[in-house]
PDB file of N, CA and C in Angstrom:
ATOM      1  N   MET A   1      -9.503 -10.647   2.320  1.00  0.00           N
ATOM      2  CA  MET A   1     -10.503 -11.084   3.291  1.00  0.00           C
ATOM      3  C   MET A   1     -11.840 -11.338   2.610  1.00  0.00           C
ATOM      4  N   ARG A   2     -12.143 -10.560   1.560  1.00  0.00           N
ATOM      5  CA  ARG A   2     -13.400 -10.791   0.849  1.00  0.00           C
ATOM      6  C   ARG A   2     -13.391 -12.165   0.187  1.00  0.00           C
ATOM      7  N   ALA A   3     -12.212 -12.569  -0.334  1.00  0.00           N
ATOM      8  CA  ALA A   3     -12.136 -13.888  -0.961  1.00  0.00           C
ATOM      9  C   ALA A   3     -12.368 -14.984   0.072  1.00  0.00           C
ATOM     10  N   ALA A   4     -11.799 -14.808   1.255  1.00  0.00           N
ATOM     11  CA  ALA A   4     -12.007 -15.792   2.318  1.00  0.00           C
ATOM     12  C   ALA A   4     -13.472 -15.817   2.733  1.00  0.00           C
ATOM     13  N   ALA A   5     -14.099 -14.642   2.753  1.00  0.00           N
ATOM     14  CA  ALA A   5     -15.514 -14.588   3.101  1.00  0.00           C
ATOM     15  C   ALA A   5     -16.342 -15.281   2.029  1.00  0.00           C
ATOM     16  N   ALA A   6     -15.939 -15.127   0.767  1.00  0.00           N
ATOM     17  CA  ALA A   6     -16.671 -15.790  -0.317  1.00  0.00           C
ATOM     18  C   ALA A   6     -16.546 -17.300  -0.197  1.00  0.00           C
ATOM     19  N   LEU A   7     -15.455 -17.771   0.350  1.00  0.00           N
ATOM     20  CA  LEU A   7     -15.268 -19.203   0.535  1.00  0.00           C
ATOM     21  C   LEU A   7     -15.983 -19.715   1.780  1.00  0.00           C
ATOM     22  N   GLY A   8     -16.542 -18.805   2.566  1.00  0.00           N
ATOM     23  CA  GLY A   8     -17.317 -19.217   3.725  1.00  0.00           C
ATOM     24  C   GLY A   8     -16.502 -19.392   4.988  1.00  0.00           C
ATOM     25  N   ARG A   9     -15.237 -19.013   4.980  1.00  0.00           N
ATOM     26  CA  ARG A   9     -14.408 -19.200   6.172  1.00  0.00           C
ATOM     27  C   ARG A   9     -14.500 -18.017   7.122  1.00  0.00           C
ATOM     28  N   VAL A  10     -14.957 -16.863   6.613  1.00  0.00           N
ATOM     29  CA  VAL A  10     -15.052 -15.653   7.429  1.00  0.00           C
ATOM     30  C   VAL A  10     -16.450 -15.077   7.250  1.00  0.00           C
ATOM     31  N   ASP A  11     -17.041 -14.620   8.339  1.00  0.00           N
ATOM     32  CA  ASP A  11     -18.362 -14.001   8.261  1.00  0.00           C
ATOM     33  C   ASP A  11     -18.250 -12.665   7.528  1.00  0.00           C
ATOM     34  N   GLU A  12     -19.037 -12.493   6.482  1.00  0.00           N
ATOM     35  CA  GLU A  12     -18.961 -11.275   5.663  1.00  0.00           C
ATOM     36  C   GLU A  12     -19.235 -10.026   6.490  1.00  0.00           C
ATOM     37  N   ARG A  13     -20.195 -10.096   7.422  1.00  0.00           N
ATOM     38  CA  ARG A  13     -20.505  -8.920   8.232  1.00  0.00           C
ATOM     39  C   ARG A  13     -19.352  -8.564   9.157  1.00  0.00           C
ATOM     40  N   ALA A  14     -18.654  -9.554   9.681  1.00  0.00           N
ATOM     41  CA  ALA A  14     -17.504  -9.282  10.543  1.00  0.00           C
ATOM     42  C   ALA A  14     -16.379  -8.653   9.734  1.00  0.00           C
ATOM     43  N   VAL A  15     -16.214  -9.107   8.490  1.00  0.00           N
ATOM     44  CA  VAL A  15     -15.153  -8.549   7.644  1.00  0.00           C
ATOM     45  C   VAL A  15     -15.473  -7.089   7.317  1.00  0.00           C
ATOM     46  N   ALA A  16     -16.738  -6.805   7.035  1.00  0.00           N
ATOM     47  CA  ALA A  16     -17.122  -5.452   6.630  1.00  0.00           C
ATOM     48  C   ALA A  16     -16.992  -4.464   7.788  1.00  0.00           C
ATOM     49  N   SER A  17     -17.171  -4.942   9.031  1.00  0.00           N
ATOM     50  CA  SER A  17     -17.190  -4.017  10.157  1.00  0.00           C
ATOM     51  C   SER A  17     -15.866  -3.966  10.921  1.00  0.00           C
ATOM     52  N   ALA A  18     -14.993  -4.942  10.701  1.00  0.00           N
ATOM     53  CA  ALA A  18     -13.773  -5.011  11.502  1.00  0.00           C
ATOM     54  C   ALA A  18     -12.678  -4.134  10.901  1.00  0.00           C
ATOM     55  N   PRO A  19     -12.033  -3.304  11.706  1.00  0.00           N
ATOM     56  CA  PRO A  19     -10.884  -2.547  11.197  1.00  0.00           C
ATOM     57  C   PRO A  19      -9.684  -3.472  11.020  1.00  0.00           C
ATOM     58  N   MET A  20      -8.928  -3.269   9.945  1.00  0.00           N
ATOM     59  CA  MET A  20      -7.793  -4.146   9.654  1.00  0.00           C
ATOM     60  C   MET A  20      -6.524  -3.306   9.450  1.00  0.00           C
ATOM     61  N   PRO A  21      -6.019  -2.657  10.486  1.00  0.00           N
ATOM     62  CA  PRO A  21      -4.845  -1.791  10.286  1.00  0.00           C
ATOM     63  C   PRO A  21      -3.605  -2.572   9.862  1.00  0.00           C
ATOM     64  N   GLU A  22      -3.485  -3.815  10.318  1.00  0.00           N
ATOM     65  CA  GLU A  22      -2.277  -4.561   9.969  1.00  0.00           C
ATOM     66  C   GLU A  22      -2.243  -4.891   8.484  1.00  0.00           C
ATOM     67  N   ILE A  23      -3.407  -5.126   7.878  1.00  0.00           N
ATOM     68  CA  ILE A  23      -3.443  -5.409   6.444  1.00  0.00           C
ATOM     69  C   ILE A  23      -3.144  -4.130   5.658  1.00  0.00           C
ATOM     70  N   GLU A  24      -3.714  -3.004   6.091  1.00  0.00           N
ATOM     71  CA  GLU A  24      -3.445  -1.746   5.393  1.00  0.00           C
ATOM     72  C   GLU A  24      -1.970  -1.367   5.523  1.00  0.00           C
ATOM     73  N   PHE A  25      -1.355  -1.726   6.636  1.00  0.00           N
ATOM     74  CA  PHE A  25       0.056  -1.397   6.844  1.00  0.00           C
ATOM     75  C   PHE A  25       0.953  -2.303   6.006  1.00  0.00           C
ATOM     76  N   ALA A  26       0.542  -3.554   5.825  1.00  0.00           N
ATOM     77  CA  ALA A  26       1.393  -4.511   5.111  1.00  0.00           C
ATOM     78  C   ALA A  26       1.296  -4.362   3.603  1.00  0.00           C
ATOM     79  N   ALA A  27       0.206  -3.806   3.089  1.00  0.00           N
ATOM     80  CA  ALA A  27       0.006  -3.772   1.638  1.00  0.00           C
ATOM     81  C   ALA A  27       1.111  -3.002   0.899  1.00  0.00           C
ATOM     82  N   PRO A  28       1.516  -1.804   1.331  1.00  0.00           N
ATOM     83  CA  PRO A  28       2.588  -1.116   0.596  1.00  0.00           C
ATOM     84  C   PRO A  28       3.906  -1.884   0.616  1.00  0.00           C
ATOM     85  N   GLU A  29       4.182  -2.563   1.720  1.00  0.00           N
ATOM     86  CA  GLU A  29       5.416  -3.334   1.798  1.00  0.00           C
ATOM     87  C   GLU A  29       5.371  -4.521   0.847  1.00  0.00           C
ATOM     88  N   LEU A  30       4.202  -5.171   0.759  1.00  0.00           N
ATOM     89  CA  LEU A  30       4.078  -6.290  -0.170  1.00  0.00           C
ATOM     90  C   LEU A  30       4.198  -5.813  -1.609  1.00  0.00           C
ATOM     91  N   LEU A  31       3.612  -4.662  -1.913  1.00  0.00           N
ATOM     92  CA  LEU A  31       3.725  -4.122  -3.265  1.00  0.00           C
ATOM     93  C   LEU A  31       5.172  -3.767  -3.583  1.00  0.00           C
ATOM     94  N   ALA A  32       5.893  -3.242  -2.612  1.00  0.00           N
ATOM     95  CA  ALA A  32       7.300  -2.909  -2.838  1.00  0.00           C
ATOM     96  C   ALA A  32       8.114  -4.172  -3.097  1.00  0.00           C
ATOM     97  N   LEU A  33       7.827  -5.230  -2.360  1.00  0.00           N
ATOM     98  CA  LEU A  33       8.550  -6.485  -2.593  1.00  0.00           C
ATOM     99  C   LEU A  33       8.232  -7.045  -3.973  1.00  0.00           C
ATOM    100  N   LEU A  34       6.965  -6.959  -4.384  1.00  0.00           N
ATOM    101  CA  LEU A  34       6.603  -7.437  -5.713  1.00  0.00           C
ATOM    102  C   LEU A  34       7.280  -6.611  -6.799  1.00  0.00           C
ATOM    103  N   ALA A  35       7.458  -5.315  -6.557  1.00  0.00           N
ATOM    104  CA  ALA A  35       8.115  -4.453  -7.541  1.00  0.00           C
ATOM    105  C   ALA A  35       9.601  -4.793  -7.652  1.00  0.00           C
ATOM    106  N   LEU A  36      10.200  -5.341  -6.595  1.00  0.00           N
ATOM    107  CA  LEU A  36      11.621  -5.679  -6.634  1.00  0.00           C
ATOM    108  C   LEU A  36      11.893  -6.977  -7.378  1.00  0.00           C
ATOM    109  N   VAL A  37      10.886  -7.799  -7.572  1.00  0.00           N
ATOM    110  CA  VAL A  37      11.107  -9.100  -8.218  1.00  0.00           C
ATOM    111  C   VAL A  37      11.622  -8.942  -9.652  1.00  0.00           C
ATOM    112  N   PRO A  38      10.960  -8.136 -10.520  1.00  0.00           N
ATOM    113  CA  PRO A  38      11.524  -7.998 -11.875  1.00  0.00           C
ATOM    114  C   PRO A  38      12.892  -7.340 -11.875  1.00  0.00           C
ATOM    115  N   LEU A  39      13.120  -6.408 -10.966  1.00  0.00           N
ATOM    116  CA  LEU A  39      14.439  -5.773 -10.877  1.00  0.00           C
ATOM    117  C   LEU A  39      15.510  -6.805 -10.537  1.00  0.00           C
ATOM    118  N   ALA A  40      15.211  -7.666  -9.587  1.00  0.00           N
ATOM    119  CA  ALA A  40      16.165  -8.710  -9.218  1.00  0.00           C
ATOM    120  C   ALA A  40      16.400  -9.659 -10.391  1.00  0.00           C
ATOM    121  N   ALA A  41      15.357  -9.959 -11.151  1.00  0.00           N
ATOM    122  CA  ALA A  41      15.517 -10.832 -12.319  1.00  0.00           C
ATOM    123  C   ALA A  41      16.416 -10.177 -13.360  1.00  0.00           C
ATOM    124  N   LEU A  42      16.254  -8.878 -13.582  1.00  0.00           N
ATOM    125  CA  LEU A  42      17.107  -8.173 -14.546  1.00  0.00           C
ATOM    126  C   LEU A  42      18.567  -8.175 -14.099  1.00  0.00           C
ATOM    127  N   VAL A  43      18.793  -7.942 -12.814  1.00  0.00           N
ATOM    128  CA  VAL A  43      20.165  -7.962 -12.296  1.00  0.00           C
ATOM    129  C   VAL A  43      20.765  -9.352 -12.453  1.00  0.00           C
ATOM    130  N   TYR A  44      19.973 -10.363 -12.174  1.00  0.00           N
ATOM    131  CA  TYR A  44      20.462 -11.743 -12.312  1.00  0.00           C
ATOM    132  C   TYR A  44      20.816 -12.059 -13.765  1.00  0.00           C
ATOM    133  N   LEU A  45      19.951 -11.665 -14.694  1.00  0.00           N
ATOM    134  CA  LEU A  45      20.215 -11.935 -16.106  1.00  0.00           C
ATOM    135  C   LEU A  45      21.411 -11.122 -16.613  1.00  0.00           C
ATOM    136  N   ALA A  46      21.557  -9.907 -16.120  1.00  0.00           N
ATOM    137  CA  ALA A  46      22.686  -9.077 -16.557  1.00  0.00           C
ATOM    138  C   ALA A  46      24.009  -9.641 -16.055  1.00  0.00           C
ATOM    139  N   ALA A  47      23.988 -10.349 -14.930  1.00  0.00           N
ATOM    140  CA  ALA A  47      25.217 -10.889 -14.367  1.00  0.00           C
ATOM    141  C   ALA A  47      25.640 -12.184 -15.062  1.00  0.00           C
ATOM    142  N   GLN A  48      24.807 -12.725 -15.902  1.00  0.00           N
ATOM    143  CA  GLN A  48      25.132 -13.993 -16.563  1.00  0.00           C
ATOM    144  C   GLN A  48      26.188 -13.800 -17.650  1.00  0.00           C
TER     145      GLN A  48
END
């Protein structure tokens, strides 16, 4: 959201004051998916 605010699409004060529970909830899931990418690549290469 800070990057979007830096681009001028979001008011910085609104970003600083607004609670964002959905983003905090999604972050661990996104990190888990990113962690699975190299594992999937290793499995794919091992199956070759």
